[in-house]
């Protein structure tokens, strides 16, 4: 498994996206429909089996009705700069 898949940064971003989805009252299937992707796409991203490109991340945030930066606040706690 690539190192980025299990990195704290990647897990933090995905956890933020999952929290935003559930806060919006959307199921994985609902989100997949908004993204025009199969439900397995959302499931694989949320279970850390698939990475998101930057463009997919932006589309995901738009589908959730959030600013992309809203999914990133915890990063300051997991990135050692």
N, C-alpha and C. Protein backbone atom coordinates (compact mmCIF):
# COMPACT_ATOMS: atom_id res chain seq x y z
N UNK A 1 0.85 -1.18 0.00
CA UNK A 1 0.00 0.00 0.00
C UNK A 1 0.90 1.24 0.00
N UNK A 2 0.62 2.22 -0.87
CA UNK A 2 1.44 3.43 -0.89
C UNK A 2 1.39 4.17 0.44
N UNK A 3 2.48 4.85 0.75
CA UNK A 3 2.59 5.55 2.04
C UNK A 3 1.50 6.61 2.22
N UNK A 4 1.10 7.31 1.12
CA UNK A 4 0.10 8.37 1.27
C UNK A 4 -1.23 7.82 1.73
N UNK A 5 -1.52 6.57 1.41
CA UNK A 5 -2.82 5.99 1.76
C UNK A 5 -3.00 5.91 3.26
N UNK A 6 -1.96 5.57 3.95
CA UNK A 6 -2.09 5.42 5.40
C UNK A 6 -1.57 6.64 6.17
N UNK A 7 -1.24 7.71 5.47
CA UNK A 7 -0.69 8.88 6.15
C UNK A 7 -1.78 9.57 6.99
N UNK A 8 -1.38 10.17 8.08
CA UNK A 8 -2.34 10.90 8.91
C UNK A 8 -3.00 12.06 8.14
N UNK A 9 -2.27 12.67 7.24
CA UNK A 9 -2.84 13.78 6.47
C UNK A 9 -3.98 13.28 5.59
N UNK A 10 -3.75 12.20 4.85
CA UNK A 10 -4.78 11.65 3.98
C UNK A 10 -6.00 11.22 4.80
N UNK A 11 -5.77 10.51 5.87
CA UNK A 11 -6.88 10.06 6.72
C UNK A 11 -7.66 11.24 7.29
N UNK A 12 -6.97 12.31 7.64
CA UNK A 12 -7.63 13.50 8.19
C UNK A 12 -8.54 14.15 7.15
N UNK A 13 -8.06 14.27 5.92
CA UNK A 13 -8.88 14.87 4.87
C UNK A 13 -10.12 14.03 4.61
N UNK A 14 -9.95 12.72 4.51
CA UNK A 14 -11.09 11.83 4.24
C UNK A 14 -12.08 11.87 5.41
N UNK A 15 -11.57 11.88 6.63
CA UNK A 15 -12.47 11.97 7.79
C UNK A 15 -13.29 13.26 7.75
N UNK A 16 -12.66 14.36 7.33
CA UNK A 16 -13.38 15.63 7.21
C UNK A 16 -14.46 15.56 6.14
N UNK A 17 -14.15 14.90 5.03
CA UNK A 17 -15.14 14.76 3.95
C UNK A 17 -16.31 13.87 4.38
N UNK A 18 -16.02 12.81 5.10
CA UNK A 18 -17.08 11.92 5.59
C UNK A 18 -17.96 12.70 6.58
N UNK A 19 -17.34 13.45 7.48
CA UNK A 19 -18.11 14.23 8.45
C UNK A 19 -18.99 15.26 7.75
N UNK A 20 -18.46 15.89 6.71
CA UNK A 20 -19.25 16.88 5.96
C UNK A 20 -20.42 16.21 5.24
N UNK A 21 -20.18 15.02 4.71
CA UNK A 21 -21.26 14.30 4.02
C UNK A 21 -22.37 13.95 5.00
N UNK A 22 -22.00 13.41 6.13
CA UNK A 22 -23.03 13.01 7.11
C UNK A 22 -23.74 14.24 7.68
N UNK A 23 -22.99 15.33 7.88
CA UNK A 23 -23.61 16.57 8.38
C UNK A 23 -24.62 17.12 7.37
N UNK A 24 -24.35 16.89 6.10
CA UNK A 24 -25.27 17.34 5.05
C UNK A 24 -26.46 16.41 4.89
N UNK A 25 -26.46 15.31 5.64
CA UNK A 25 -27.56 14.36 5.57
C UNK A 25 -27.57 13.52 4.31
N UNK A 26 -26.40 13.37 3.69
CA UNK A 26 -26.30 12.60 2.45
C UNK A 26 -25.75 11.21 2.70
N UNK A 27 -26.28 10.25 1.98
CA UNK A 27 -25.71 8.91 1.98
C UNK A 27 -24.58 8.88 0.95
N UNK A 28 -23.82 7.80 0.96
CA UNK A 28 -22.79 7.64 -0.07
C UNK A 28 -23.44 7.63 -1.45
N UNK A 29 -24.58 6.99 -1.55
CA UNK A 29 -25.29 6.92 -2.83
C UNK A 29 -25.74 8.31 -3.29
N UNK A 30 -26.24 9.12 -2.34
CA UNK A 30 -26.65 10.49 -2.67
C UNK A 30 -25.47 11.29 -3.22
N UNK A 31 -24.35 11.20 -2.53
CA UNK A 31 -23.16 11.94 -2.95
C UNK A 31 -22.68 11.45 -4.31
N UNK A 32 -22.67 10.15 -4.50
CA UNK A 32 -22.24 9.59 -5.79
C UNK A 32 -23.11 10.14 -6.91
N UNK A 33 -24.40 10.24 -6.68
CA UNK A 33 -25.32 10.77 -7.69
C UNK A 33 -24.97 12.21 -8.03
N UNK A 34 -24.69 13.02 -7.01
CA UNK A 34 -24.31 14.42 -7.24
C UNK A 34 -23.00 14.52 -8.02
N UNK A 35 -22.10 13.58 -7.77
CA UNK A 35 -20.80 13.58 -8.45
C UNK A 35 -20.86 12.92 -9.82
N UNK A 36 -22.00 12.29 -10.12
CA UNK A 36 -22.15 11.51 -11.36
C UNK A 36 -21.11 10.40 -11.45
N UNK A 37 -20.96 9.74 -10.31
CA UNK A 37 -20.03 8.61 -10.19
C UNK A 37 -20.81 7.44 -9.60
N UNK A 38 -20.29 6.23 -9.75
CA UNK A 38 -20.95 5.09 -9.11
C UNK A 38 -20.76 5.15 -7.59
N UNK A 39 -21.69 4.59 -6.83
CA UNK A 39 -21.55 4.58 -5.37
C UNK A 39 -20.24 3.96 -4.90
N UNK A 40 -19.73 3.00 -5.66
CA UNK A 40 -18.46 2.37 -5.26
C UNK A 40 -17.31 3.38 -5.23
N UNK A 41 -17.38 4.43 -6.04
CA UNK A 41 -16.35 5.47 -6.05
C UNK A 41 -16.29 6.13 -4.68
N UNK A 42 -17.44 6.55 -4.17
CA UNK A 42 -17.49 7.20 -2.86
C UNK A 42 -17.05 6.22 -1.77
N UNK A 43 -17.54 5.00 -1.85
CA UNK A 43 -17.18 4.00 -0.85
C UNK A 43 -15.69 3.73 -0.80
N UNK A 44 -15.06 3.65 -1.96
CA UNK A 44 -13.62 3.38 -2.00
C UNK A 44 -12.80 4.55 -1.47
N UNK A 45 -13.24 5.77 -1.77
CA UNK A 45 -12.54 6.94 -1.25
C UNK A 45 -12.68 6.98 0.27
N UNK A 46 -13.90 6.80 0.76
CA UNK A 46 -14.15 6.90 2.19
C UNK A 46 -13.52 5.76 2.99
N UNK A 47 -13.28 4.63 2.35
CA UNK A 47 -12.64 3.51 3.05
C UNK A 47 -11.13 3.49 2.81
N UNK A 48 -10.61 4.57 2.27
CA UNK A 48 -9.17 4.76 2.03
C UNK A 48 -8.62 3.73 1.05
N UNK A 49 -9.43 3.31 0.11
CA UNK A 49 -8.96 2.39 -0.93
C UNK A 49 -8.59 3.14 -2.19
N UNK A 50 -9.01 4.39 -2.30
CA UNK A 50 -8.77 5.18 -3.50
C UNK A 50 -8.45 6.61 -3.11
N UNK A 51 -7.54 7.21 -3.84
CA UNK A 51 -7.16 8.60 -3.62
C UNK A 51 -8.02 9.51 -4.48
N UNK A 52 -8.18 10.75 -4.07
CA UNK A 52 -8.87 11.76 -4.87
C UNK A 52 -7.85 12.65 -5.55
N UNK A 53 -8.09 12.97 -6.82
CA UNK A 53 -7.28 13.99 -7.47
C UNK A 53 -7.72 15.34 -6.91
N UNK A 54 -6.96 16.37 -7.20
CA UNK A 54 -7.34 17.71 -6.75
C UNK A 54 -8.68 18.11 -7.34
N UNK A 55 -8.89 17.83 -8.62
CA UNK A 55 -10.16 18.18 -9.25
C UNK A 55 -11.33 17.40 -8.65
N UNK A 56 -11.10 16.13 -8.35
CA UNK A 56 -12.16 15.33 -7.70
C UNK A 56 -12.45 15.87 -6.31
N UNK A 57 -11.42 16.28 -5.58
CA UNK A 57 -11.61 16.86 -4.25
C UNK A 57 -12.46 18.12 -4.34
N UNK A 58 -12.17 18.97 -5.32
CA UNK A 58 -12.95 20.21 -5.49
C UNK A 58 -14.40 19.90 -5.84
N UNK A 59 -14.62 18.92 -6.70
CA UNK A 59 -15.99 18.53 -7.07
C UNK A 59 -16.71 17.95 -5.86
N UNK A 60 -16.01 17.17 -5.06
CA UNK A 60 -16.58 16.56 -3.86
C UNK A 60 -17.04 17.66 -2.91
N UNK A 61 -16.18 18.65 -2.66
CA UNK A 61 -16.55 19.75 -1.77
C UNK A 61 -17.76 20.51 -2.32
N UNK A 62 -17.77 20.78 -3.62
CA UNK A 62 -18.90 21.49 -4.22
C UNK A 62 -20.18 20.68 -4.07
N UNK A 63 -20.11 19.38 -4.25
CA UNK A 63 -21.30 18.52 -4.12
C UNK A 63 -21.83 18.53 -2.69
N UNK A 64 -20.93 18.73 -1.73
CA UNK A 64 -21.34 18.79 -0.33
C UNK A 64 -21.78 20.19 0.09
N UNK A 65 -21.54 21.18 -0.79
CA UNK A 65 -21.90 22.55 -0.47
C UNK A 65 -20.97 23.18 0.53
N UNK A 66 -19.70 22.75 0.53
CA UNK A 66 -18.72 23.32 1.46
C UNK A 66 -17.58 23.95 0.67
N UNK A 67 -16.87 24.84 1.30
CA UNK A 67 -15.64 25.36 0.72
C UNK A 67 -14.57 24.27 0.86
N UNK A 68 -13.72 24.10 -0.13
CA UNK A 68 -12.67 23.08 -0.01
C UNK A 68 -11.85 23.21 1.27
N UNK A 69 -11.61 24.44 1.67
CA UNK A 69 -10.81 24.65 2.89
C UNK A 69 -11.52 24.13 4.14
N UNK A 70 -12.85 23.98 4.09
CA UNK A 70 -13.59 23.45 5.23
C UNK A 70 -13.21 21.99 5.53
N UNK A 71 -12.71 21.28 4.53
CA UNK A 71 -12.32 19.88 4.72
C UNK A 71 -10.88 19.76 5.17
N UNK A 72 -10.19 20.88 5.34
CA UNK A 72 -8.77 20.84 5.65
C UNK A 72 -8.36 21.41 7.00
N UNK A 73 -9.25 21.84 7.87
CA UNK A 73 -8.81 22.53 9.09
C UNK A 73 -7.93 21.69 10.00
N UNK A 74 -8.14 20.40 10.03
CA UNK A 74 -7.35 19.55 10.94
C UNK A 74 -5.94 19.31 10.43
N UNK A 75 -5.64 19.70 9.22
CA UNK A 75 -4.32 19.43 8.66
C UNK A 75 -3.20 20.10 9.44
N UNK A 76 -3.46 21.26 10.00
CA UNK A 76 -2.40 21.93 10.76
C UNK A 76 -1.94 21.09 11.94
N UNK A 77 -2.81 20.19 12.40
CA UNK A 77 -2.46 19.33 13.53
C UNK A 77 -1.68 18.08 13.11
N UNK A 78 -1.75 17.72 11.82
CA UNK A 78 -1.08 16.49 11.39
C UNK A 78 0.10 16.72 10.46
N UNK A 79 0.28 17.94 9.97
CA UNK A 79 1.43 18.25 9.12
C UNK A 79 2.51 18.87 9.99
N UNK A 80 3.68 18.30 9.91
CA UNK A 80 4.82 18.82 10.66
C UNK A 80 5.59 19.76 9.77
N UNK A 81 5.33 21.06 9.94
CA UNK A 81 6.01 22.07 9.12
C UNK A 81 7.04 22.78 9.96
